[in-house]
Amino acid sequence: MARKSAGDRAKRQALDKGLKAMFRAVEQRPVPDRILSVAEQLDEGAADPAKKAG
């Protein structure tokens, strides 16, 4: 295996920092009500089959 240089480490850290900032920005955006509704329905549907099987 090749050794990782300080430059490679710096690039990886910069990329990591950039990706984290991008995901934080996406998480802070408001979610439309239609998407929240679908997500809630999917969550509720996942619990129902277990109740029916028992």
PDB file of N, CA and C in Angstrom:
ATOM      1  N   MET A   1       0.835  -1.182   0.000  1.00  0.00           N
ATOM      2  CA  MET A   1       0.000   0.000   0.000  1.00  0.00           C
ATOM      3  C   MET A   1       0.878   1.243   0.000  1.00  0.00           C
ATOM      4  N   ALA A   2       0.397   2.244  -0.660  1.00  0.00           N
ATOM      5  CA  ALA A   2       1.137   3.503  -0.693  1.00  0.00           C
ATOM      6  C   ALA A   2       0.886   4.284   0.588  1.00  0.00           C
ATOM      7  N   ARG A   3       1.903   4.996   0.998  1.00  0.00           N
ATOM      8  CA  ARG A   3       1.748   5.826   2.200  1.00  0.00           C
ATOM      9  C   ARG A   3       0.928   7.060   1.860  1.00  0.00           C
ATOM     10  N   LYS A   4       0.169   7.501   2.812  1.00  0.00           N
ATOM     11  CA  LYS A   4      -0.636   8.691   2.614  1.00  0.00           C
ATOM     12  C   LYS A   4       0.195   9.904   2.992  1.00  0.00           C
ATOM     13  N   SER A   5       0.312  10.836   2.075  1.00  0.00           N
ATOM     14  CA  SER A   5       1.119  12.019   2.328  1.00  0.00           C
ATOM     15  C   SER A   5       0.297  13.067   3.073  1.00  0.00           C
ATOM     16  N   ALA A   6       0.989  14.092   3.541  1.00  0.00           N
ATOM     17  CA  ALA A   6       0.317  15.182   4.235  1.00  0.00           C
ATOM     18  C   ALA A   6      -0.646  15.900   3.288  1.00  0.00           C
ATOM     19  N   GLY A   7      -0.276  15.974   2.008  1.00  0.00           N
ATOM     20  CA  GLY A   7      -1.154  16.604   1.024  1.00  0.00           C
ATOM     21  C   GLY A   7      -2.439  15.828   0.836  1.00  0.00           C
ATOM     22  N   ASP A   8      -2.330  14.496   0.800  1.00  0.00           N
ATOM     23  CA  ASP A   8      -3.522  13.657   0.669  1.00  0.00           C
ATOM     24  C   ASP A   8      -4.424  13.821   1.891  1.00  0.00           C
ATOM     25  N   ARG A   9      -3.810  13.881   3.045  1.00  0.00           N
ATOM     26  CA  ARG A   9      -4.574  14.044   4.279  1.00  0.00           C
ATOM     27  C   ARG A   9      -5.294  15.393   4.286  1.00  0.00           C
ATOM     28  N   ALA A  10      -4.609  16.441   3.846  1.00  0.00           N
ATOM     29  CA  ALA A  10      -5.201  17.775   3.805  1.00  0.00           C
ATOM     30  C   ALA A  10      -6.368  17.817   2.814  1.00  0.00           C
ATOM     31  N   LYS A  11      -6.211  17.167   1.666  1.00  0.00           N
ATOM     32  CA  LYS A  11      -7.292  17.114   0.683  1.00  0.00           C
ATOM     33  C   LYS A  11      -8.503  16.385   1.252  1.00  0.00           C
ATOM     34  N   ARG A  12      -8.251  15.269   1.937  1.00  0.00           N
ATOM     35  CA  ARG A  12      -9.341  14.478   2.515  1.00  0.00           C
ATOM     36  C   ARG A  12     -10.069  15.285   3.592  1.00  0.00           C
ATOM     37  N   GLN A  13      -9.313  16.010   4.415  1.00  0.00           N
ATOM     38  CA  GLN A  13      -9.938  16.817   5.462  1.00  0.00           C
ATOM     39  C   GLN A  13     -10.749  17.966   4.865  1.00  0.00           C
ATOM     40  N   ALA A  14     -10.242  18.581   3.807  1.00  0.00           N
ATOM     41  CA  ALA A  14     -10.968  19.670   3.160  1.00  0.00           C
ATOM     42  C   ALA A  14     -12.263  19.149   2.531  1.00  0.00           C
ATOM     43  N   LEU A  15     -12.192  17.991   1.896  1.00  0.00           N
ATOM     44  CA  LEU A  15     -13.377  17.388   1.303  1.00  0.00           C
ATOM     45  C   LEU A  15     -14.388  17.030   2.387  1.00  0.00           C
ATOM     46  N   ASP A  16     -13.911  16.451   3.472  1.00  0.00           N
ATOM     47  CA  ASP A  16     -14.770  16.085   4.588  1.00  0.00           C
ATOM     48  C   ASP A  16     -15.472  17.320   5.149  1.00  0.00           C
ATOM     49  N   LYS A  17     -14.730  18.387   5.330  1.00  0.00           N
ATOM     50  CA  LYS A  17     -15.291  19.632   5.859  1.00  0.00           C
ATOM     51  C   LYS A  17     -16.348  20.195   4.902  1.00  0.00           C
ATOM     52  N   GLY A  18     -16.050  20.165   3.609  1.00  0.00           N
ATOM     53  CA  GLY A  18     -16.996  20.667   2.612  1.00  0.00           C
ATOM     54  C   GLY A  18     -18.271  19.850   2.560  1.00  0.00           C
ATOM     55  N   LEU A  19     -18.137  18.532   2.624  1.00  0.00           N
ATOM     56  CA  LEU A  19     -19.314  17.667   2.587  1.00  0.00           C
ATOM     57  C   LEU A  19     -20.180  17.850   3.823  1.00  0.00           C
ATOM     58  N   LYS A  20     -19.538  17.965   4.975  1.00  0.00           N
ATOM     59  CA  LYS A  20     -20.303  18.172   6.207  1.00  0.00           C
ATOM     60  C   LYS A  20     -21.075  19.484   6.137  1.00  0.00           C
ATOM     61  N   ALA A  21     -20.448  20.535   5.634  1.00  0.00           N
ATOM     62  CA  ALA A  21     -21.120  21.827   5.510  1.00  0.00           C
ATOM     63  C   ALA A  21     -22.292  21.728   4.542  1.00  0.00           C
ATOM     64  N   MET A  22     -22.107  21.004   3.440  1.00  0.00           N
ATOM     65  CA  MET A  22     -23.173  20.850   2.459  1.00  0.00           C
ATOM     66  C   MET A  22     -24.365  20.104   3.063  1.00  0.00           C
ATOM     67  N   PHE A  23     -24.112  19.023   3.790  1.00  0.00           N
ATOM     68  CA  PHE A  23     -25.201  18.258   4.385  1.00  0.00           C
ATOM     69  C   PHE A  23     -25.903  19.048   5.483  1.00  0.00           C
ATOM     70  N   ARG A  24     -25.168  19.839   6.254  1.00  0.00           N
ATOM     71  CA  ARG A  24     -25.808  20.688   7.264  1.00  0.00           C
ATOM     72  C   ARG A  24     -26.756  21.683   6.601  1.00  0.00           C
ATOM     73  N   ALA A  25     -26.326  22.256   5.489  1.00  0.00           N
ATOM     74  CA  ALA A  25     -27.173  23.218   4.768  1.00  0.00           C
ATOM     75  C   ALA A  25     -28.440  22.547   4.255  1.00  0.00           C
ATOM     76  N   VAL A  26     -28.329  21.338   3.751  1.00  0.00           N
ATOM     77  CA  VAL A  26     -29.495  20.604   3.241  1.00  0.00           C
ATOM     78  C   VAL A  26     -30.434  20.249   4.395  1.00  0.00           C
ATOM     79  N   GLU A  27     -29.878  19.839   5.535  1.00  0.00           N
ATOM     80  CA  GLU A  27     -30.704  19.471   6.680  1.00  0.00           C
ATOM     81  C   GLU A  27     -31.500  20.658   7.224  1.00  0.00           C
ATOM     82  N   GLN A  28     -30.971  21.851   7.076  1.00  0.00           N
ATOM     83  CA  GLN A  28     -31.626  23.030   7.622  1.00  0.00           C
ATOM     84  C   GLN A  28     -32.731  23.565   6.719  1.00  0.00           C
ATOM     85  N   ARG A  29     -32.822  23.081   5.519  1.00  0.00           N
ATOM     86  CA  ARG A  29     -33.873  23.535   4.607  1.00  0.00           C
ATOM     87  C   ARG A  29     -35.218  23.003   5.074  1.00  0.00           C
ATOM     88  N   PRO A  30     -36.267  23.787   4.887  1.00  0.00           N
ATOM     89  CA  PRO A  30     -37.597  23.299   5.261  1.00  0.00           C
ATOM     90  C   PRO A  30     -38.043  22.180   4.314  1.00  0.00           C
ATOM     91  N   VAL A  31     -38.752  21.228   4.873  1.00  0.00           N
ATOM     92  CA  VAL A  31     -39.245  20.098   4.085  1.00  0.00           C
ATOM     93  C   VAL A  31     -40.710  20.374   3.737  1.00  0.00           C
ATOM     94  N   PRO A  32     -41.069  20.256   2.461  1.00  0.00           N
ATOM     95  CA  PRO A  32     -42.470  20.482   2.074  1.00  0.00           C
ATOM     96  C   PRO A  32     -43.423  19.518   2.796  1.00  0.00           C
ATOM     97  N   ASP A  33     -44.624  20.008   3.073  1.00  0.00           N
ATOM     98  CA  ASP A  33     -45.616  19.205   3.795  1.00  0.00           C
ATOM     99  C   ASP A  33     -45.947  17.897   3.085  1.00  0.00           C
ATOM    100  N   ARG A  34     -45.961  17.923   1.765  1.00  0.00           N
ATOM    101  CA  ARG A  34     -46.301  16.697   1.013  1.00  0.00           C
ATOM    102  C   ARG A  34     -45.263  15.603   1.276  1.00  0.00           C
ATOM    103  N   ILE A  35     -44.001  15.996   1.350  1.00  0.00           N
ATOM    104  CA  ILE A  35     -42.938  15.006   1.596  1.00  0.00           C
ATOM    105  C   ILE A  35     -43.037  14.497   3.027  1.00  0.00           C
ATOM    106  N   LEU A  36     -43.292  15.387   3.984  1.00  0.00           N
ATOM    107  CA  LEU A  36     -43.459  14.950   5.373  1.00  0.00           C
ATOM    108  C   LEU A  36     -44.625  13.976   5.506  1.00  0.00           C
ATOM    109  N   SER A  37     -45.706  14.248   4.789  1.00  0.00           N
ATOM    110  CA  SER A  37     -46.870  13.375   4.838  1.00  0.00           C
ATOM    111  C   SER A  37     -46.532  11.978   4.325  1.00  0.00           C
ATOM    112  N   VAL A  38     -45.827  11.915   3.217  1.00  0.00           N
ATOM    113  CA  VAL A  38     -45.439  10.621   2.655  1.00  0.00           C
ATOM    114  C   VAL A  38     -44.505   9.882   3.619  1.00  0.00           C
ATOM    115  N   ALA A  39     -43.561  10.594   4.202  1.00  0.00           N
ATOM    116  CA  ALA A  39     -42.626   9.963   5.140  1.00  0.00           C
ATOM    117  C   ALA A  39     -43.367   9.412   6.361  1.00  0.00           C
ATOM    118  N   GLU A  40     -44.339  10.159   6.869  1.00  0.00           N
ATOM    119  CA  GLU A  40     -45.129   9.688   8.009  1.00  0.00           C
ATOM    120  C   GLU A  40     -45.935   8.451   7.644  1.00  0.00           C
ATOM    121  N   GLN A  41     -46.510   8.445   6.449  1.00  0.00           N
ATOM    122  CA  GLN A  41     -47.281   7.283   6.022  1.00  0.00           C
ATOM    123  C   GLN A  41     -46.392   6.052   5.891  1.00  0.00           C
ATOM    124  N   LEU A  42     -45.186   6.243   5.399  1.00  0.00           N
ATOM    125  CA  LEU A  42     -44.257   5.117   5.278  1.00  0.00           C
ATOM    126  C   LEU A  42     -43.858   4.599   6.653  1.00  0.00           C
ATOM    127  N   ASP A  43     -43.631   5.498   7.596  1.00  0.00           N
ATOM    128  CA  ASP A  43     -43.285   5.081   8.956  1.00  0.00           C
ATOM    129  C   ASP A  43     -44.427   4.310   9.605  1.00  0.00           C
ATOM    130  N   GLU A  44     -45.652   4.776   9.413  1.00  0.00           N
ATOM    131  CA  GLU A  44     -46.811   4.094   9.986  1.00  0.00           C
ATOM    132  C   GLU A  44     -47.019   2.729   9.341  1.00  0.00           C
ATOM    133  N   GLY A  45     -46.807   2.643   8.053  1.00  0.00           N
ATOM    134  CA  GLY A  45     -46.988   1.388   7.336  1.00  0.00           C
ATOM    135  C   GLY A  45     -45.983   0.332   7.739  1.00  0.00           C
ATOM    136  N   ALA A  46     -44.817   0.744   8.138  1.00  0.00           N
ATOM    137  CA  ALA A  46     -43.787  -0.212   8.550  1.00  0.00           C
ATOM    138  C   ALA A  46     -44.166  -0.898   9.860  1.00  0.00           C
ATOM    139  N   ALA A  47     -44.924  -0.231  10.715  1.00  0.00           N
ATOM    140  CA  ALA A  47     -45.301  -0.799  12.003  1.00  0.00           C
ATOM    141  C   ALA A  47     -46.507  -1.737  11.880  1.00  0.00           C
ATOM    142  N   ASP A  48     -47.372  -1.537  10.920  1.00  0.00           N
ATOM    143  CA  ASP A  48     -48.597  -2.327  10.797  1.00  0.00           C
ATOM    144  C   ASP A  48     -48.377  -3.810  10.508  1.00  0.00           C
ATOM    145  N   PRO A  49     -47.487  -4.233   9.601  1.00  0.00           N
ATOM    146  CA  PRO A  49     -47.345  -5.674   9.330  1.00  0.00           C
ATOM    147  C   PRO A  49     -46.953  -6.472  10.563  1.00  0.00           C
ATOM    148  N   ALA A  50     -46.190  -5.922  11.459  1.00  0.00           N
ATOM    149  CA  ALA A  50     -45.801  -6.644  12.665  1.00  0.00           C
ATOM    150  C   ALA A  50     -47.018  -6.916  13.548  1.00  0.00           C
ATOM    151  N   LYS A  51     -47.938  -5.967  13.604  1.00  0.00           N
ATOM    152  CA  LYS A  51     -49.147  -6.143  14.409  1.00  0.00           C
ATOM    153  C   LYS A  51     -50.055  -7.219  13.801  1.00  0.00           C
ATOM    154  N   LYS A  52     -50.148  -7.237  12.485  1.00  0.00           N
ATOM    155  CA  LYS A  52     -50.997  -8.212  11.800  1.00  0.00           C
ATOM    156  C   LYS A  52     -50.445  -9.624  11.898  1.00  0.00           C
ATOM    157  N   ALA A  53     -49.095  -9.739  11.917  1.00  0.00           N
ATOM    158  CA  ALA A  53     -48.470 -11.059  11.951  1.00  0.00           C
ATOM    159  C   ALA A  53     -48.656 -11.719  13.309  1.00  0.00           C
ATOM    160  N   GLY A  54     -48.777 -10.901  14.370  1.00  0.00           N
ATOM    161  CA  GLY A  54     -48.853 -11.445  15.736  1.00  0.00           C
ATOM    162  C   GLY A  54     -50.181 -11.938  16.059  1.00  0.00           C
TER     163      GLY A  54
END
